[in-house]
Amino acid sequence: MLHLSYFPDNSSVEVVGNATLDGKLTHSVEGRNKQLSVSQLLPLEPSHLWKQRENHLRLYLQQFHDVVNMTARERNIAYPFHVHCNQGCVIFHNGTSYSFYEVALDGRDFLKFYSANATWVPLEASPAALYISGQLNKYNESTKSLQFFLQETCVQFVTEHSDVNQPLTGEHQGRSHTPLVLGIIMGAFALLGLAVCIFLCTGVKR
């Protein structure tokens, strides 16, 4: 799952995103502010379950954007800017898996989550990256919960909806594994804890 959010100012945001499973587009989202078009492009889940995921996605995006705006205000990040999030998991033929969560700011590598040890690492030495990674590492919502999602929920979802034992074809030909990028909509729920944890629990202290 990936999404790109463009913040022209502190009162509006444009978002576009999608999710893929073994190279096939499964979900899409596009819109401005609260006017979002969210679609399940492949029938992976029945309508009642998909509706729940859609609601979770809308809630996540709204709170994510609120948190980004608060971070920009408190860390003096100038508008306009882009935030790009990319997450998912890869399942190998031998049964092992690899998970990832990466955040970029204006095209620069900004943060990365290492699911093996449930740790956020800043990818640049800016005050904002150092501060946010430090805060994220303080809370279970943004470490252990995210680790469980990437290593357990993601892998289970992919396993249920894809056959990793099928021979590789197309763009995957010749590779030793089949990449499976998770399209599950609840994806980045761990960052929801930021709105409460970072800014309320810390009292918005610099």
N, C-alpha and C. Protein backbone atom coordinates (compact mmCIF):
# COMPACT_ATOMS: atom_id res chain seq x y z
N MET A 1 0.85 -1.19 0.00
CA MET A 1 0.00 0.00 0.00
C MET A 1 0.88 1.23 0.00
N LEU A 2 0.52 2.23 -0.80
CA LEU A 2 1.24 3.48 -0.79
C LEU A 2 0.25 4.62 -0.94
N HIS A 3 0.60 5.75 -0.39
CA HIS A 3 -0.19 6.94 -0.65
C HIS A 3 0.70 8.17 -0.62
N LEU A 4 0.34 9.12 -1.46
CA LEU A 4 1.06 10.38 -1.57
C LEU A 4 0.10 11.50 -1.19
N SER A 5 0.48 12.28 -0.21
CA SER A 5 -0.33 13.41 0.24
C SER A 5 0.41 14.71 -0.05
N TYR A 6 -0.28 15.64 -0.70
CA TYR A 6 0.29 16.95 -1.01
C TYR A 6 -0.41 17.99 -0.15
N PHE A 7 0.39 18.74 0.62
CA PHE A 7 -0.13 19.76 1.51
C PHE A 7 0.26 21.14 0.96
N PRO A 8 -0.64 21.80 0.22
CA PRO A 8 -0.30 23.14 -0.30
C PRO A 8 -0.28 24.18 0.81
N ASP A 9 -1.07 23.96 1.86
CA ASP A 9 -1.12 24.85 3.01
C ASP A 9 -1.68 24.06 4.18
N ASN A 10 -1.93 24.72 5.29
CA ASN A 10 -2.37 24.00 6.49
C ASN A 10 -3.86 23.73 6.53
N SER A 11 -4.59 24.08 5.48
CA SER A 11 -6.04 23.88 5.49
C SER A 11 -6.54 22.94 4.40
N SER A 12 -5.64 22.41 3.59
CA SER A 12 -6.09 21.52 2.52
C SER A 12 -5.02 20.47 2.24
N VAL A 13 -5.47 19.36 1.65
CA VAL A 13 -4.57 18.27 1.30
C VAL A 13 -5.14 17.52 0.10
N GLU A 14 -4.28 17.12 -0.80
CA GLU A 14 -4.66 16.29 -1.93
C GLU A 14 -3.99 14.94 -1.76
N VAL A 15 -4.74 13.87 -1.98
CA VAL A 15 -4.19 12.53 -1.73
C VAL A 15 -4.48 11.62 -2.91
N VAL A 16 -3.51 10.79 -3.23
CA VAL A 16 -3.68 9.75 -4.23
C VAL A 16 -2.92 8.52 -3.73
N GLY A 17 -3.50 7.36 -3.91
CA GLY A 17 -2.84 6.16 -3.43
C GLY A 17 -3.39 4.92 -4.08
N ASN A 18 -2.70 3.82 -3.88
CA ASN A 18 -3.18 2.54 -4.40
C ASN A 18 -2.53 1.41 -3.61
N ALA A 19 -3.03 0.22 -3.87
CA ALA A 19 -2.47 -0.97 -3.26
C ALA A 19 -2.40 -2.06 -4.31
N THR A 20 -1.37 -2.89 -4.21
CA THR A 20 -1.19 -3.97 -5.16
C THR A 20 -0.95 -5.28 -4.43
N LEU A 21 -1.30 -6.35 -5.09
CA LEU A 21 -1.06 -7.69 -4.56
C LEU A 21 -0.45 -8.51 -5.69
N ASP A 22 0.82 -8.87 -5.52
CA ASP A 22 1.55 -9.61 -6.54
C ASP A 22 1.51 -8.91 -7.90
N GLY A 23 1.67 -7.61 -7.86
CA GLY A 23 1.73 -6.83 -9.09
C GLY A 23 0.38 -6.42 -9.65
N LYS A 24 -0.72 -6.87 -9.06
CA LYS A 24 -2.05 -6.53 -9.54
C LYS A 24 -2.63 -5.42 -8.67
N LEU A 25 -3.18 -4.39 -9.32
CA LEU A 25 -3.78 -3.28 -8.61
C LEU A 25 -5.07 -3.75 -7.94
N THR A 26 -5.16 -3.57 -6.63
CA THR A 26 -6.31 -4.07 -5.88
C THR A 26 -7.19 -2.98 -5.28
N HIS A 27 -6.61 -1.84 -4.93
CA HIS A 27 -7.36 -0.76 -4.30
C HIS A 27 -6.83 0.58 -4.82
N SER A 28 -7.68 1.60 -4.73
CA SER A 28 -7.25 2.95 -5.10
C SER A 28 -7.95 3.97 -4.22
N VAL A 29 -7.30 5.10 -4.03
CA VAL A 29 -7.90 6.22 -3.31
C VAL A 29 -7.41 7.51 -3.94
N GLU A 30 -8.31 8.47 -4.04
CA GLU A 30 -7.97 9.76 -4.65
C GLU A 30 -8.96 10.79 -4.17
N GLY A 31 -8.48 12.00 -3.91
CA GLY A 31 -9.41 13.04 -3.51
C GLY A 31 -8.72 14.23 -2.88
N ARG A 32 -9.54 15.13 -2.39
CA ARG A 32 -9.07 16.36 -1.77
C ARG A 32 -9.81 16.56 -0.46
N ASN A 33 -9.06 16.84 0.59
CA ASN A 33 -9.62 17.01 1.92
C ASN A 33 -10.47 15.80 2.30
N LYS A 34 -11.75 15.99 2.65
CA LYS A 34 -12.58 14.86 3.06
C LYS A 34 -13.35 14.23 1.90
N GLN A 35 -13.21 14.80 0.72
CA GLN A 35 -13.90 14.26 -0.46
C GLN A 35 -13.01 13.22 -1.13
N LEU A 36 -13.14 11.98 -0.70
CA LEU A 36 -12.28 10.91 -1.18
C LEU A 36 -13.07 9.87 -1.95
N SER A 37 -12.46 9.40 -3.03
CA SER A 37 -13.00 8.27 -3.78
C SER A 37 -12.15 7.06 -3.47
N VAL A 38 -12.74 6.06 -2.80
CA VAL A 38 -12.03 4.87 -2.37
C VAL A 38 -12.64 3.66 -3.04
N SER A 39 -11.82 2.80 -3.66
CA SER A 39 -12.35 1.68 -4.42
C SER A 39 -11.57 0.40 -4.15
N GLN A 40 -12.30 -0.72 -4.08
CA GLN A 40 -11.70 -2.05 -4.11
C GLN A 40 -11.84 -2.55 -5.54
N LEU A 41 -10.71 -2.69 -6.23
CA LEU A 41 -10.73 -2.97 -7.66
C LEU A 41 -10.82 -4.46 -7.97
N LEU A 42 -10.41 -5.29 -7.04
CA LEU A 42 -10.56 -6.73 -7.18
C LEU A 42 -11.43 -7.24 -6.03
N PRO A 43 -12.26 -8.25 -6.26
CA PRO A 43 -13.19 -8.72 -5.22
C PRO A 43 -12.49 -9.59 -4.18
N LEU A 44 -11.58 -9.00 -3.43
CA LEU A 44 -10.84 -9.75 -2.43
C LEU A 44 -11.66 -10.00 -1.18
N GLU A 45 -12.57 -9.09 -0.87
CA GLU A 45 -13.37 -9.20 0.33
C GLU A 45 -14.83 -8.95 0.02
N PRO A 46 -15.75 -9.59 0.74
CA PRO A 46 -17.18 -9.31 0.56
C PRO A 46 -17.50 -7.87 0.91
N SER A 47 -18.62 -7.39 0.43
CA SER A 47 -18.94 -5.97 0.53
C SER A 47 -18.99 -5.46 1.97
N HIS A 48 -19.49 -6.27 2.91
CA HIS A 48 -19.61 -5.79 4.28
C HIS A 48 -18.24 -5.62 4.94
N LEU A 49 -17.31 -6.52 4.62
CA LEU A 49 -15.96 -6.37 5.15
C LEU A 49 -15.23 -5.21 4.49
N TRP A 50 -15.42 -5.09 3.18
CA TRP A 50 -14.77 -3.98 2.47
C TRP A 50 -15.27 -2.64 3.00
N LYS A 51 -16.54 -2.55 3.34
CA LYS A 51 -17.08 -1.29 3.86
C LYS A 51 -16.38 -0.91 5.15
N GLN A 52 -16.10 -1.89 6.00
CA GLN A 52 -15.37 -1.61 7.23
C GLN A 52 -13.97 -1.10 6.94
N ARG A 53 -13.30 -1.73 5.97
CA ARG A 53 -11.95 -1.29 5.62
C ARG A 53 -11.98 0.12 5.04
N GLU A 54 -12.98 0.40 4.22
CA GLU A 54 -13.10 1.73 3.63
C GLU A 54 -13.26 2.79 4.72
N ASN A 55 -14.08 2.50 5.70
CA ASN A 55 -14.27 3.44 6.81
C ASN A 55 -12.98 3.63 7.59
N HIS A 56 -12.24 2.53 7.80
CA HIS A 56 -10.96 2.64 8.50
C HIS A 56 -9.98 3.50 7.70
N LEU A 57 -9.97 3.32 6.39
CA LEU A 57 -9.06 4.10 5.56
C LEU A 57 -9.38 5.59 5.64
N ARG A 58 -10.66 5.92 5.55
CA ARG A 58 -11.05 7.33 5.62
C ARG A 58 -10.65 7.94 6.96
N LEU A 59 -10.87 7.18 8.03
CA LEU A 59 -10.49 7.67 9.35
C LEU A 59 -8.98 7.83 9.45
N TYR A 60 -8.24 6.83 8.97
CA TYR A 60 -6.78 6.91 9.01
C TYR A 60 -6.27 8.13 8.26
N LEU A 61 -6.76 8.35 7.03
CA LEU A 61 -6.26 9.46 6.23
C LEU A 61 -6.57 10.80 6.89
N GLN A 62 -7.77 10.93 7.46
CA GLN A 62 -8.12 12.19 8.11
C GLN A 62 -7.21 12.46 9.30
N GLN A 63 -6.99 11.45 10.13
CA GLN A 63 -6.14 11.65 11.30
C GLN A 63 -4.67 11.78 10.90
N PHE A 64 -4.27 11.04 9.88
CA PHE A 64 -2.90 11.17 9.39
C PHE A 64 -2.63 12.60 8.94
N HIS A 65 -3.55 13.17 8.18
CA HIS A 65 -3.37 14.53 7.69
C HIS A 65 -3.38 15.54 8.84
N ASP A 66 -4.24 15.32 9.84
CA ASP A 66 -4.24 16.21 11.01
C ASP A 66 -2.89 16.17 11.73
N VAL A 67 -2.35 14.95 11.87
CA VAL A 67 -1.08 14.80 12.56
C VAL A 67 0.06 15.45 11.77
N VAL A 68 0.05 15.28 10.45
CA VAL A 68 1.10 15.89 9.63
C VAL A 68 1.05 17.41 9.76
N ASN A 69 -0.15 17.99 9.74
CA ASN A 69 -0.27 19.44 9.88
C ASN A 69 0.22 19.91 11.25
N MET A 70 -0.10 19.15 12.30
CA MET A 70 0.38 19.52 13.62
C MET A 70 1.90 19.42 13.70
N THR A 71 2.45 18.36 13.08
CA THR A 71 3.90 18.20 13.08
C THR A 71 4.57 19.35 12.33
N ALA A 72 4.00 19.72 11.19
CA ALA A 72 4.56 20.82 10.40
C ALA A 72 4.56 22.12 11.20
N ARG A 73 3.46 22.35 11.92
CA ARG A 73 3.38 23.57 12.71
C ARG A 73 4.40 23.58 13.85
N GLU A 74 4.50 22.46 14.57
CA GLU A 74 5.37 22.43 15.74
C GLU A 74 6.85 22.27 15.39
N ARG A 75 7.14 21.67 14.24
CA ARG A 75 8.53 21.47 13.82
C ARG A 75 8.98 22.47 12.77
N ASN A 76 8.12 23.45 12.49
CA ASN A 76 8.46 24.52 11.54
C ASN A 76 8.79 23.98 10.14
N ILE A 77 7.99 23.04 9.66
CA ILE A 77 8.14 22.54 8.29
C ILE A 77 7.32 23.45 7.37
N ALA A 78 7.98 24.04 6.38
CA ALA A 78 7.33 25.02 5.52
C ALA A 78 6.44 24.35 4.47
N TYR A 79 5.28 24.96 4.21
CA TYR A 79 4.42 24.54 3.12
C TYR A 79 4.90 25.19 1.84
N PRO A 80 4.57 24.57 0.68
CA PRO A 80 3.92 23.27 0.48
C PRO A 80 4.94 22.14 0.61
N PHE A 81 4.42 20.91 0.82
CA PHE A 81 5.29 19.74 0.86
C PHE A 81 4.48 18.48 0.54
N HIS A 82 5.22 17.41 0.19
CA HIS A 82 4.63 16.10 -0.10
C HIS A 82 5.08 15.10 0.96
N VAL A 83 4.17 14.23 1.37
CA VAL A 83 4.51 13.11 2.23
C VAL A 83 4.12 11.82 1.51
N HIS A 84 5.08 10.92 1.39
CA HIS A 84 4.86 9.66 0.67
C HIS A 84 5.08 8.50 1.63
N CYS A 85 4.06 7.64 1.78
CA CYS A 85 4.17 6.47 2.64
C CYS A 85 4.05 5.20 1.81
N ASN A 86 4.90 4.26 2.09
CA ASN A 86 4.93 2.99 1.35
C ASN A 86 5.12 1.86 2.35
N GLN A 87 4.22 0.88 2.33
CA GLN A 87 4.30 -0.21 3.28
C GLN A 87 3.81 -1.50 2.66
N GLY A 88 4.22 -2.61 3.24
CA GLY A 88 3.74 -3.90 2.75
C GLY A 88 4.61 -5.04 3.25
N CYS A 89 4.49 -6.17 2.58
CA CYS A 89 5.30 -7.33 2.96
C CYS A 89 5.58 -8.17 1.72
N VAL A 90 6.66 -8.89 1.79
CA VAL A 90 7.11 -9.77 0.72
C VAL A 90 7.20 -11.19 1.28
N ILE A 91 6.60 -12.15 0.57
CA ILE A 91 6.67 -13.54 0.98
C ILE A 91 7.55 -14.31 0.00
N PHE A 92 8.51 -15.05 0.53
CA PHE A 92 9.42 -15.82 -0.30
C PHE A 92 8.94 -17.27 -0.40
N HIS A 93 9.44 -17.97 -1.42
CA HIS A 93 9.01 -19.36 -1.65
C HIS A 93 9.38 -20.29 -0.50
N ASN A 94 10.40 -19.93 0.26
CA ASN A 94 10.82 -20.81 1.36
C ASN A 94 10.02 -20.57 2.64
N GLY A 95 9.00 -19.69 2.56
CA GLY A 95 8.14 -19.45 3.70
C GLY A 95 8.53 -18.27 4.57
N THR A 96 9.70 -17.69 4.34
CA THR A 96 10.09 -16.51 5.09
C THR A 96 9.44 -15.27 4.48
N SER A 97 9.48 -14.18 5.22
CA SER A 97 8.84 -12.95 4.75
C SER A 97 9.66 -11.73 5.15
N TYR A 98 9.40 -10.65 4.48
CA TYR A 98 10.06 -9.38 4.74
C TYR A 98 8.98 -8.29 4.72
N SER A 99 8.99 -7.42 5.72
CA SER A 99 8.00 -6.35 5.81
C SER A 99 8.70 -4.99 5.78
N PHE A 100 7.96 -3.98 5.37
CA PHE A 100 8.57 -2.65 5.27
C PHE A 100 7.53 -1.55 5.50
N TYR A 101 8.00 -0.43 6.01
CA TYR A 101 7.22 0.80 6.12
C TYR A 101 8.20 1.95 5.97
N GLU A 102 8.00 2.76 4.95
CA GLU A 102 8.93 3.84 4.63
C GLU A 102 8.16 5.14 4.43
N VAL A 103 8.76 6.24 4.86
CA VAL A 103 8.15 7.56 4.73
C VAL A 103 9.16 8.49 4.06
N ALA A 104 8.69 9.21 3.05
CA ALA A 104 9.53 10.20 2.38
C ALA A 104 8.88 11.57 2.51
N LEU A 105 9.70 12.60 2.60
CA LEU A 105 9.24 13.99 2.68
C LEU A 105 9.85 14.76 1.53
N ASP A 106 8.98 15.27 0.65
CA ASP A 106 9.44 16.01 -0.54
C ASP A 106 10.47 15.22 -1.33
N GLY A 107 10.24 13.93 -1.46
CA GLY A 107 11.11 13.08 -2.26
C GLY A 107 12.36 12.60 -1.55
N ARG A 108 12.59 13.07 -0.32
CA ARG A 108 13.76 12.64 0.44
C ARG A 108 13.37 11.51 1.39
N ASP A 109 14.25 10.54 1.52
CA ASP A 109 14.02 9.49 2.51
C ASP A 109 14.00 10.13 3.89
N PHE A 110 12.91 9.88 4.64
CA PHE A 110 12.69 10.60 5.89
C PHE A 110 12.70 9.68 7.11
N LEU A 111 11.87 8.63 7.08
CA LEU A 111 11.79 7.68 8.18
C LEU A 111 11.65 6.27 7.63
N LYS A 112 12.11 5.31 8.40
CA LYS A 112 11.92 3.90 8.05
C LYS A 112 11.65 3.10 9.31
N PHE A 113 10.71 2.17 9.21
CA PHE A 113 10.39 1.30 10.32
C PHE A 113 10.98 -0.08 10.07
N TYR A 114 11.78 -0.56 11.02
CA TYR A 114 12.36 -1.89 10.94
C TYR A 114 11.50 -2.83 11.77
N SER A 115 10.73 -3.68 11.08
CA SER A 115 9.79 -4.53 11.79
C SER A 115 10.47 -5.62 12.61
N ALA A 116 11.69 -6.00 12.25
CA ALA A 116 12.38 -7.07 12.98
C ALA A 116 12.57 -6.70 14.45
N ASN A 117 12.89 -5.43 14.72
CA ASN A 117 13.08 -5.00 16.11
C ASN A 117 12.12 -3.88 16.50
N ALA A 118 11.09 -3.65 15.67
CA ALA A 118 10.03 -2.67 15.98
C ALA A 118 10.62 -1.30 16.30
N THR A 119 11.45 -0.80 15.39
CA THR A 119 12.15 0.47 15.65
C THR A 119 12.02 1.40 14.45
N TRP A 120 11.69 2.67 14.72
CA TRP A 120 11.71 3.72 13.71
C TRP A 120 13.10 4.34 13.67
N VAL A 121 13.60 4.57 12.47
CA VAL A 121 14.94 5.13 12.30
C VAL A 121 14.85 6.35 11.39
N PRO A 122 15.42 7.49 11.79
CA PRO A 122 15.45 8.65 10.89
C PRO A 122 16.42 8.41 9.76
N LEU A 123 16.04 8.82 8.56
CA LEU A 123 16.89 8.63 7.40
C LEU A 123 17.58 9.92 6.97
N GLU A 124 17.35 10.97 7.73
CA GLU A 124 18.09 12.20 7.55
C GLU A 124 18.31 12.81 8.94
N ALA A 125 19.27 13.69 9.04
CA ALA A 125 19.66 14.22 10.34
C ALA A 125 18.93 15.51 10.70
N SER A 126 17.77 15.74 10.10
CA SER A 126 17.02 16.96 10.38
C SER A 126 16.37 16.89 11.76
N PRO A 127 16.11 18.03 12.40
CA PRO A 127 15.43 18.03 13.70
C PRO A 127 14.06 17.35 13.64
N ALA A 128 13.33 17.54 12.54
CA ALA A 128 12.00 16.94 12.43
C ALA A 128 12.08 15.42 12.40
N ALA A 129 13.00 14.86 11.60
CA ALA A 129 13.13 13.40 11.50
C ALA A 129 13.58 12.80 12.82
N LEU A 130 14.51 13.46 13.49
CA LEU A 130 15.01 12.96 14.77
C LEU A 130 13.92 13.01 15.83
N TYR A 131 13.15 14.08 15.85
CA TYR A 131 12.09 14.24 16.84
C TYR A 131 10.97 13.23 16.61
N ILE A 132 10.49 13.12 15.38
CA ILE A 132 9.35 12.25 15.10
C ILE A 132 9.71 10.78 15.32
N SER A 133 10.90 10.36 14.87
CA SER A 133 11.29 8.96 15.09
C SER A 133 11.41 8.67 16.58
N GLY A 134 11.95 9.62 17.33
CA GLY A 134 12.07 9.43 18.77
C GLY A 134 10.72 9.28 19.44
N GLN A 135 9.75 10.10 19.02
CA GLN A 135 8.41 10.00 19.60
C GLN A 135 7.72 8.70 19.19
N LEU A 136 7.85 8.31 17.94
CA LEU A 136 7.23 7.07 17.47
C LEU A 136 7.75 5.86 18.23
N ASN A 137 9.00 5.88 18.58
CA ASN A 137 9.60 4.74 19.27
C ASN A 137 9.17 4.63 20.74
N LYS A 138 8.44 5.61 21.24
CA LYS A 138 8.03 5.59 22.64
C LYS A 138 6.76 4.78 22.89
N TYR A 139 5.97 4.53 21.84
CA TYR A 139 4.62 4.03 22.07
C TYR A 139 4.37 2.69 21.38
N ASN A 140 3.62 1.84 22.06
CA ASN A 140 3.27 0.54 21.48
C ASN A 140 2.44 0.68 20.23
N GLU A 141 1.58 1.73 20.18
CA GLU A 141 0.72 1.91 19.01
C GLU A 141 1.53 2.06 17.73
N SER A 142 2.69 2.68 17.83
CA SER A 142 3.49 2.95 16.64
C SER A 142 4.73 2.06 16.54
N THR A 143 4.85 1.07 17.42
CA THR A 143 5.97 0.12 17.33
C THR A 143 5.44 -1.32 17.33
N LYS A 144 5.01 -1.80 18.47
CA LYS A 144 4.58 -3.19 18.57
C LYS A 144 3.34 -3.47 17.74
N SER A 145 2.39 -2.54 17.74
CA SER A 145 1.17 -2.76 16.95
C SER A 145 1.48 -2.77 15.46
N LEU A 146 2.35 -1.85 15.04
CA LEU A 146 2.74 -1.82 13.64
C LEU A 146 3.55 -3.05 13.27
N GLN A 147 4.42 -3.49 14.15
CA GLN A 147 5.18 -4.71 13.92
C GLN A 147 4.25 -5.91 13.73
N PHE A 148 3.24 -6.02 14.58
CA PHE A 148 2.28 -7.13 14.47
C PHE A 148 1.54 -7.05 13.14
N PHE A 149 1.13 -5.85 12.77
CA PHE A 149 0.42 -5.71 11.50
C PHE A 149 1.27 -6.16 10.33
N LEU A 150 2.51 -5.69 10.27
CA LEU A 150 3.37 -5.99 9.12
C LEU A 150 3.79 -7.45 9.09
N GLN A 151 4.10 -8.02 10.24
CA GLN A 151 4.63 -9.38 10.27
C GLN A 151 3.55 -10.45 10.34
N GLU A 152 2.38 -10.12 10.87
CA GLU A 152 1.33 -11.10 11.05
C GLU A 152 0.12 -10.84 10.14
N THR A 153 -0.51 -9.68 10.33
CA THR A 153 -1.73 -9.38 9.57
C THR A 153 -1.45 -9.30 8.08
N CYS A 154 -0.40 -8.59 7.72
CA CYS A 154 -0.04 -8.45 6.31
C CYS A 154 0.24 -9.80 5.67
N VAL A 155 1.08 -10.60 6.31
CA VAL A 155 1.45 -11.90 5.76
C VAL A 155 0.24 -12.82 5.65
N GLN A 156 -0.62 -12.79 6.66
CA GLN A 156 -1.83 -13.63 6.62
C GLN A 156 -2.74 -13.21 5.48
N PHE A 157 -2.93 -11.91 5.31
CA PHE A 157 -3.78 -11.41 4.24
C PHE A 157 -3.25 -11.82 2.87
N VAL A 158 -1.95 -11.63 2.68
CA VAL A 158 -1.33 -11.98 1.40
C VAL A 158 -1.43 -13.48 1.14
N THR A 159 -1.17 -14.27 2.17
CA THR A 159 -1.23 -15.72 2.02
C THR A 159 -2.63 -16.19 1.62
N GLU A 160 -3.64 -15.56 2.19
CA GLU A 160 -5.02 -15.94 1.90
C GLU A 160 -5.44 -15.59 0.49
N HIS A 161 -4.85 -14.53 -0.05
CA HIS A 161 -5.32 -14.02 -1.34
C HIS A 161 -4.34 -14.23 -2.49
N SER A 162 -3.27 -14.98 -2.26
CA SER A 162 -2.31 -15.20 -3.32
C SER A 162 -1.66 -16.56 -3.13
N ASP A 163 -1.32 -17.20 -4.25
CA ASP A 163 -0.65 -18.50 -4.21
C ASP A 163 0.83 -18.30 -4.46
N VAL A 164 1.63 -18.32 -3.40
CA VAL A 164 3.06 -18.04 -3.55
C VAL A 164 3.80 -19.21 -4.19
N ASN A 165 3.11 -20.33 -4.40
CA ASN A 165 3.78 -21.48 -4.99
C ASN A 165 3.64 -21.54 -6.51
N GLN A 166 2.86 -20.61 -7.08
CA GLN A 166 2.71 -20.59 -8.53
C GLN A 166 4.02 -20.16 -9.18
N PRO A 167 4.31 -20.68 -10.40
CA PRO A 167 5.54 -20.26 -11.09
C PRO A 167 5.51 -18.78 -11.41
N LEU A 168 6.67 -18.16 -11.42
CA LEU A 168 6.77 -16.73 -11.67
C LEU A 168 6.66 -16.46 -13.15
N THR A 169 5.93 -15.41 -13.47
CA THR A 169 5.73 -15.03 -14.87
C THR A 169 5.89 -13.53 -15.01
N GLY A 170 5.89 -13.06 -16.27
CA GLY A 170 5.91 -11.64 -16.54
C GLY A 170 7.12 -10.96 -15.95
N GLU A 171 6.86 -9.80 -15.28
CA GLU A 171 7.97 -9.01 -14.76
C GLU A 171 8.71 -9.71 -13.64
N HIS A 172 8.14 -10.79 -13.11
CA HIS A 172 8.79 -11.52 -12.02
C HIS A 172 9.67 -12.66 -12.54
N GLN A 173 9.65 -12.92 -13.82
CA GLN A 173 10.39 -14.05 -14.37
C GLN A 173 11.87 -13.92 -14.07
N GLY A 174 12.45 -15.05 -13.61
CA GLY A 174 13.87 -15.07 -13.34
C GLY A 174 14.24 -14.68 -11.93
N ARG A 175 13.28 -14.16 -11.16
CA ARG A 175 13.58 -13.78 -9.79
C ARG A 175 13.34 -14.97 -8.87
N SER A 176 13.95 -14.92 -7.70
CA SER A 176 13.89 -16.06 -6.79
C SER A 176 12.69 -16.02 -5.87
N HIS A 177 11.87 -14.98 -5.96
CA HIS A 177 10.71 -14.90 -5.09
C HIS A 177 9.64 -14.07 -5.76
N THR A 178 8.44 -14.16 -5.22
CA THR A 178 7.32 -13.37 -5.73
C THR A 178 7.04 -12.22 -4.77
N PRO A 179 7.21 -10.97 -5.20
CA PRO A 179 6.92 -9.86 -4.31
C PRO A 179 5.42 -9.71 -4.13
N LEU A 180 5.01 -9.57 -2.90
CA LEU A 180 3.60 -9.42 -2.58
C LEU A 180 3.43 -8.16 -1.74
N VAL A 181 2.99 -7.09 -2.38
CA VAL A 181 2.86 -5.83 -1.69
C VAL A 181 1.43 -5.71 -1.19
N LEU A 182 1.27 -5.59 0.09
CA LEU A 182 -0.05 -5.66 0.69
C LEU A 182 -0.93 -4.49 0.30
N GLY A 183 -2.16 -4.81 -0.07
CA GLY A 183 -3.15 -3.79 -0.37
C GLY A 183 -4.19 -3.64 0.69
N ILE A 184 -3.96 -4.16 1.85
CA ILE A 184 -4.97 -4.10 2.90
C ILE A 184 -5.16 -2.67 3.38
N ILE A 185 -6.39 -2.27 3.53
CA ILE A 185 -6.68 -0.87 3.74
C ILE A 185 -6.38 -0.39 5.16
N MET A 186 -6.40 -1.26 6.14
CA MET A 186 -6.15 -0.80 7.50
C MET A 186 -4.68 -0.48 7.74
N GLY A 187 -3.88 -0.68 6.72
CA GLY A 187 -2.44 -0.58 6.77
C GLY A 187 -1.78 0.25 7.83
N ALA A 188 -1.80 1.55 7.68
CA ALA A 188 -0.97 2.39 8.54
C ALA A 188 -1.67 2.81 9.81
N PHE A 189 -2.53 1.95 10.35
CA PHE A 189 -3.31 2.34 11.52
C PHE A 189 -2.44 2.72 12.70
N ALA A 190 -1.24 2.21 12.78
CA ALA A 190 -0.39 2.50 13.94
C ALA A 190 -0.11 4.00 14.07
N LEU A 191 -0.05 4.70 12.95
CA LEU A 191 0.23 6.13 13.01
C LEU A 191 -0.95 6.92 13.56
N LEU A 192 -2.11 6.29 13.69
CA LEU A 192 -3.24 6.96 14.31
C LEU A 192 -2.90 7.39 15.73
N GLY A 193 -2.06 6.60 16.39
CA GLY A 193 -1.69 6.92 17.76
C GLY A 193 -0.89 8.20 17.89
N LEU A 194 -0.37 8.70 16.78
CA LEU A 194 0.42 9.92 16.84
C LEU A 194 -0.41 11.10 17.36
N ALA A 195 -1.63 11.22 16.87
CA ALA A 195 -2.45 12.37 17.24
C ALA A 195 -2.63 12.46 18.74
N VAL A 196 -2.78 11.32 19.38
CA VAL A 196 -2.95 11.30 20.83
C VAL A 196 -1.59 11.31 21.53
N CYS A 197 -0.72 10.42 21.10
CA CYS A 197 0.53 10.20 21.84
C CYS A 197 1.52 11.35 21.72
N ILE A 198 1.85 11.71 20.50
CA ILE A 198 2.93 12.68 20.34
C ILE A 198 2.53 14.07 20.85
N PHE A 199 1.31 14.49 20.48
CA PHE A 199 0.97 15.88 20.75
C PHE A 199 0.20 16.08 22.04
N LEU A 200 -0.63 15.14 22.44
CA LEU A 200 -1.36 15.29 23.69
C LEU A 200 -0.51 14.80 24.86
N CYS A 201 0.09 13.62 24.73
CA CYS A 201 0.86 13.06 25.84
C CYS A 201 2.13 13.85 26.11
N THR A 202 2.69 14.47 25.08
CA THR A 202 3.92 15.23 25.29
C THR A 202 3.63 16.71 25.52
N GLY A 203 2.38 17.10 25.41
CA GLY A 203 2.05 18.51 25.63
C GLY A 203 2.60 19.42 24.57
N VAL A 204 2.89 18.88 23.39
CA VAL A 204 3.42 19.64 22.26
C VAL A 204 4.66 20.41 22.68
N LYS A 205 5.57 19.71 23.34
CA LYS A 205 6.81 20.37 23.78
C LYS A 205 7.89 20.25 22.72
N ARG A 206 8.61 21.30 22.52
CA ARG A 206 9.73 21.25 21.58
C ARG A 206 10.95 20.65 22.29
